[in-house]
């Protein structure tokens, strides 16, 4: 996913907090995916309005201190989530 694409959740998935799992999850027809806190923070920002670059800037502002790590991890997650069909460009 490029810095200018605007990722959003695929319509086959529902992103939400699940108290019983004590975590954010992705629901889909065949089951669920329990997300770690970093993945949840990224997905919260995948609204189809923000570019990947804007998501990284927002994460850097929310969690200052390691901009290179945030950028690298966010790009890796967006690529993986896109490859698995969780995200698609808006």
N, C-alpha and C. Protein backbone atom coordinates (compact mmCIF):
# COMPACT_ATOMS: atom_id res chain seq x y z
N UNK A 1 0.84 -1.18 0.00
CA UNK A 1 0.00 0.00 0.00
C UNK A 1 0.89 1.24 0.00
N UNK A 2 0.59 2.16 -0.88
CA UNK A 2 1.41 3.36 -1.00
C UNK A 2 1.00 4.40 0.05
N UNK A 3 1.85 5.40 0.23
CA UNK A 3 1.57 6.46 1.20
C UNK A 3 0.34 7.29 0.84
N UNK A 4 -0.05 7.29 -0.43
CA UNK A 4 -1.18 8.11 -0.85
C UNK A 4 -2.51 7.35 -0.90
N UNK A 5 -2.47 6.04 -0.77
CA UNK A 5 -3.72 5.28 -0.74
C UNK A 5 -4.43 5.50 0.58
N UNK A 6 -5.73 5.38 0.54
CA UNK A 6 -6.58 5.60 1.71
C UNK A 6 -7.23 4.27 2.11
N UNK A 7 -6.57 3.53 3.01
CA UNK A 7 -7.10 2.21 3.37
C UNK A 7 -8.38 2.29 4.19
N UNK A 8 -9.24 1.32 3.94
CA UNK A 8 -10.45 1.17 4.75
C UNK A 8 -10.72 -0.31 4.92
N UNK A 9 -11.51 -0.63 5.91
CA UNK A 9 -11.84 -2.01 6.20
C UNK A 9 -12.68 -2.61 5.09
N UNK A 10 -12.36 -3.83 4.71
CA UNK A 10 -13.16 -4.54 3.72
C UNK A 10 -14.56 -4.78 4.29
N UNK A 11 -15.58 -4.75 3.46
CA UNK A 11 -16.96 -4.92 3.97
C UNK A 11 -17.23 -6.30 4.57
N UNK A 12 -16.35 -7.26 4.38
CA UNK A 12 -16.54 -8.60 4.94
C UNK A 12 -16.10 -8.71 6.39
N UNK A 13 -15.55 -7.61 6.93
CA UNK A 13 -15.01 -7.62 8.28
C UNK A 13 -15.67 -6.54 9.13
N UNK A 14 -15.78 -6.84 10.43
CA UNK A 14 -16.28 -5.88 11.41
C UNK A 14 -15.19 -5.72 12.47
N UNK A 15 -14.79 -4.48 12.72
CA UNK A 15 -13.76 -4.16 13.70
C UNK A 15 -14.46 -3.64 14.95
N UNK A 16 -14.17 -4.26 16.10
CA UNK A 16 -14.78 -3.78 17.34
C UNK A 16 -14.03 -4.29 18.56
N UNK A 17 -14.34 -3.65 19.70
CA UNK A 17 -13.82 -4.08 20.98
C UNK A 17 -14.66 -5.24 21.47
N UNK A 18 -14.03 -6.29 21.94
CA UNK A 18 -14.74 -7.45 22.47
C UNK A 18 -14.28 -7.65 23.91
N UNK A 19 -15.16 -7.33 24.85
CA UNK A 19 -14.82 -7.42 26.27
C UNK A 19 -14.42 -8.84 26.67
N UNK A 20 -15.10 -9.84 26.13
CA UNK A 20 -14.78 -11.23 26.50
C UNK A 20 -13.38 -11.63 26.07
N UNK A 21 -12.85 -11.00 25.04
CA UNK A 21 -11.49 -11.26 24.57
C UNK A 21 -10.49 -10.27 25.18
N UNK A 22 -11.00 -9.21 25.79
CA UNK A 22 -10.20 -8.11 26.33
C UNK A 22 -9.28 -7.56 25.25
N UNK A 23 -9.85 -7.40 24.05
CA UNK A 23 -9.05 -6.95 22.91
C UNK A 23 -9.99 -6.50 21.80
N UNK A 24 -9.42 -5.73 20.87
CA UNK A 24 -10.13 -5.44 19.63
C UNK A 24 -10.06 -6.69 18.75
N UNK A 25 -11.11 -6.90 17.98
CA UNK A 25 -11.15 -8.07 17.11
C UNK A 25 -11.66 -7.66 15.72
N UNK A 26 -11.39 -8.52 14.77
CA UNK A 26 -12.00 -8.44 13.45
C UNK A 26 -12.91 -9.64 13.34
N UNK A 27 -14.19 -9.39 13.13
CA UNK A 27 -15.15 -10.46 12.91
C UNK A 27 -15.32 -10.66 11.41
N UNK A 28 -15.46 -11.90 11.01
CA UNK A 28 -15.75 -12.22 9.61
C UNK A 28 -16.59 -13.48 9.62
N UNK A 29 -17.23 -13.84 8.51
CA UNK A 29 -18.18 -14.95 8.53
C UNK A 29 -17.64 -16.26 9.11
N UNK A 30 -16.37 -16.55 8.92
CA UNK A 30 -15.82 -17.82 9.37
C UNK A 30 -15.26 -17.77 10.79
N UNK A 31 -15.20 -16.61 11.43
CA UNK A 31 -14.64 -16.56 12.78
C UNK A 31 -14.24 -15.16 13.19
N UNK A 32 -13.15 -15.10 13.96
CA UNK A 32 -12.66 -13.81 14.42
C UNK A 32 -11.15 -13.83 14.51
N UNK A 33 -10.58 -12.64 14.49
CA UNK A 33 -9.14 -12.44 14.61
C UNK A 33 -8.93 -11.52 15.80
N UNK A 34 -8.21 -11.99 16.80
CA UNK A 34 -7.88 -11.16 17.96
C UNK A 34 -6.66 -10.32 17.60
N UNK A 35 -6.78 -9.01 17.76
CA UNK A 35 -5.72 -8.09 17.36
C UNK A 35 -4.88 -7.65 18.56
N UNK A 36 -3.61 -7.44 18.31
CA UNK A 36 -2.78 -6.86 19.37
C UNK A 36 -3.05 -5.36 19.41
N UNK A 37 -2.63 -4.67 20.48
CA UNK A 37 -2.93 -3.24 20.60
C UNK A 37 -2.39 -2.39 19.44
N UNK A 38 -1.23 -2.70 18.93
CA UNK A 38 -0.67 -1.91 17.81
C UNK A 38 -1.53 -2.06 16.56
N UNK A 39 -1.95 -3.27 16.25
CA UNK A 39 -2.80 -3.50 15.08
C UNK A 39 -4.12 -2.76 15.24
N UNK A 40 -4.68 -2.77 16.44
CA UNK A 40 -5.94 -2.08 16.68
C UNK A 40 -5.79 -0.57 16.48
N UNK A 41 -4.68 -0.01 16.95
CA UNK A 41 -4.46 1.44 16.78
C UNK A 41 -4.36 1.81 15.30
N UNK A 42 -3.74 0.95 14.52
CA UNK A 42 -3.65 1.22 13.08
C UNK A 42 -5.03 1.10 12.44
N UNK A 43 -5.75 0.02 12.74
CA UNK A 43 -7.07 -0.18 12.11
C UNK A 43 -8.07 0.90 12.50
N UNK A 44 -7.96 1.44 13.70
CA UNK A 44 -8.86 2.53 14.11
C UNK A 44 -8.77 3.71 13.14
N UNK A 45 -7.62 3.86 12.54
CA UNK A 45 -7.37 5.01 11.67
C UNK A 45 -7.62 4.71 10.19
N UNK A 46 -7.94 3.47 9.87
CA UNK A 46 -8.18 3.08 8.47
C UNK A 46 -9.65 3.33 8.14
N UNK A 47 -9.96 4.60 7.92
CA UNK A 47 -11.34 5.03 7.73
C UNK A 47 -11.69 5.37 6.28
N UNK A 48 -10.73 5.18 5.37
CA UNK A 48 -10.97 5.51 3.98
C UNK A 48 -10.79 6.98 3.68
N UNK A 49 -10.58 7.78 4.70
CA UNK A 49 -10.36 9.22 4.53
C UNK A 49 -8.88 9.57 4.62
N UNK A 50 -8.19 8.93 5.56
CA UNK A 50 -6.77 9.22 5.79
C UNK A 50 -5.90 8.37 4.87
N UNK A 51 -4.84 8.99 4.38
CA UNK A 51 -3.85 8.25 3.62
C UNK A 51 -2.98 7.45 4.59
N UNK A 52 -2.23 6.51 4.05
CA UNK A 52 -1.29 5.76 4.88
C UNK A 52 -0.31 6.73 5.54
N UNK A 53 0.11 7.74 4.82
CA UNK A 53 1.02 8.75 5.37
C UNK A 53 0.39 9.49 6.54
N UNK A 54 -0.89 9.84 6.43
CA UNK A 54 -1.60 10.54 7.51
C UNK A 54 -1.79 9.62 8.72
N UNK A 55 -2.03 8.34 8.47
CA UNK A 55 -2.15 7.38 9.57
C UNK A 55 -0.85 7.31 10.35
N UNK A 56 0.27 7.24 9.63
CA UNK A 56 1.58 7.19 10.28
C UNK A 56 1.83 8.47 11.08
N UNK A 57 1.50 9.63 10.52
CA UNK A 57 1.69 10.90 11.23
C UNK A 57 0.84 10.95 12.49
N UNK A 58 -0.39 10.46 12.41
CA UNK A 58 -1.28 10.45 13.57
C UNK A 58 -0.74 9.51 14.65
N UNK A 59 -0.27 8.34 14.25
CA UNK A 59 0.31 7.40 15.22
C UNK A 59 1.57 7.99 15.86
N UNK A 60 2.38 8.67 15.06
CA UNK A 60 3.59 9.29 15.59
C UNK A 60 3.25 10.36 16.61
N UNK A 61 2.18 11.11 16.36
CA UNK A 61 1.76 12.14 17.32
C UNK A 61 1.20 11.52 18.60
N UNK A 62 0.48 10.41 18.45
CA UNK A 62 -0.12 9.75 19.61
C UNK A 62 0.90 8.97 20.44
N UNK A 63 1.93 8.46 19.76
CA UNK A 63 2.95 7.64 20.42
C UNK A 63 4.33 8.14 20.01
N UNK A 64 4.74 9.31 20.50
CA UNK A 64 6.00 9.90 20.05
C UNK A 64 7.22 9.12 20.53
N UNK A 65 8.31 9.30 19.78
CA UNK A 65 9.57 8.75 20.23
C UNK A 65 10.31 7.88 19.24
N UNK A 66 9.61 7.18 18.38
CA UNK A 66 10.27 6.29 17.43
C UNK A 66 9.60 6.35 16.06
N UNK A 67 9.74 7.48 15.38
CA UNK A 67 9.03 7.63 14.10
C UNK A 67 9.40 6.60 13.04
N UNK A 68 10.67 6.18 12.99
CA UNK A 68 11.07 5.18 11.99
C UNK A 68 10.41 3.84 12.27
N UNK A 69 10.34 3.45 13.53
CA UNK A 69 9.71 2.18 13.89
C UNK A 69 8.22 2.22 13.59
N UNK A 70 7.58 3.32 13.93
CA UNK A 70 6.15 3.44 13.67
C UNK A 70 5.88 3.37 12.17
N UNK A 71 6.64 4.08 11.39
CA UNK A 71 6.45 4.07 9.93
C UNK A 71 6.66 2.67 9.37
N UNK A 72 7.74 2.03 9.75
CA UNK A 72 8.03 0.69 9.23
C UNK A 72 6.99 -0.33 9.63
N UNK A 73 6.63 -0.32 10.92
CA UNK A 73 5.63 -1.27 11.40
C UNK A 73 4.26 -1.03 10.78
N UNK A 74 3.90 0.24 10.60
CA UNK A 74 2.60 0.55 10.02
C UNK A 74 2.55 0.12 8.56
N UNK A 75 3.60 0.41 7.80
CA UNK A 75 3.63 -0.04 6.41
C UNK A 75 3.55 -1.56 6.32
N UNK A 76 4.29 -2.26 7.18
CA UNK A 76 4.26 -3.72 7.17
C UNK A 76 2.87 -4.25 7.49
N UNK A 77 2.22 -3.65 8.49
CA UNK A 77 0.87 -4.09 8.86
C UNK A 77 -0.11 -3.82 7.72
N UNK A 78 -0.06 -2.62 7.14
CA UNK A 78 -0.98 -2.29 6.05
C UNK A 78 -0.81 -3.24 4.87
N UNK A 79 0.42 -3.58 4.55
CA UNK A 79 0.67 -4.54 3.46
C UNK A 79 0.09 -5.91 3.80
N UNK A 80 0.34 -6.39 5.01
CA UNK A 80 -0.16 -7.70 5.43
C UNK A 80 -1.69 -7.70 5.45
N UNK A 81 -2.30 -6.66 6.03
CA UNK A 81 -3.76 -6.60 6.13
C UNK A 81 -4.39 -6.51 4.74
N UNK A 82 -3.75 -5.81 3.83
CA UNK A 82 -4.25 -5.74 2.45
C UNK A 82 -4.15 -7.09 1.76
N UNK A 83 -3.02 -7.77 1.95
CA UNK A 83 -2.81 -9.08 1.33
C UNK A 83 -3.83 -10.10 1.85
N UNK A 84 -4.22 -9.98 3.09
CA UNK A 84 -5.20 -10.92 3.68
C UNK A 84 -6.64 -10.51 3.41
N UNK A 85 -6.82 -9.37 2.76
CA UNK A 85 -8.18 -8.93 2.43
C UNK A 85 -8.88 -8.17 3.52
N UNK A 86 -8.19 -7.83 4.60
CA UNK A 86 -8.81 -7.07 5.69
C UNK A 86 -9.05 -5.62 5.26
N UNK A 87 -8.12 -5.09 4.48
CA UNK A 87 -8.20 -3.69 4.04
C UNK A 87 -8.23 -3.63 2.53
N UNK A 88 -8.79 -2.53 2.04
CA UNK A 88 -8.75 -2.25 0.61
C UNK A 88 -8.68 -0.74 0.44
N UNK A 89 -8.23 -0.27 -0.70
CA UNK A 89 -8.18 1.17 -0.92
C UNK A 89 -9.58 1.74 -1.02
N UNK A 90 -9.74 2.95 -0.53
CA UNK A 90 -11.07 3.61 -0.60
C UNK A 90 -11.32 4.10 -2.01
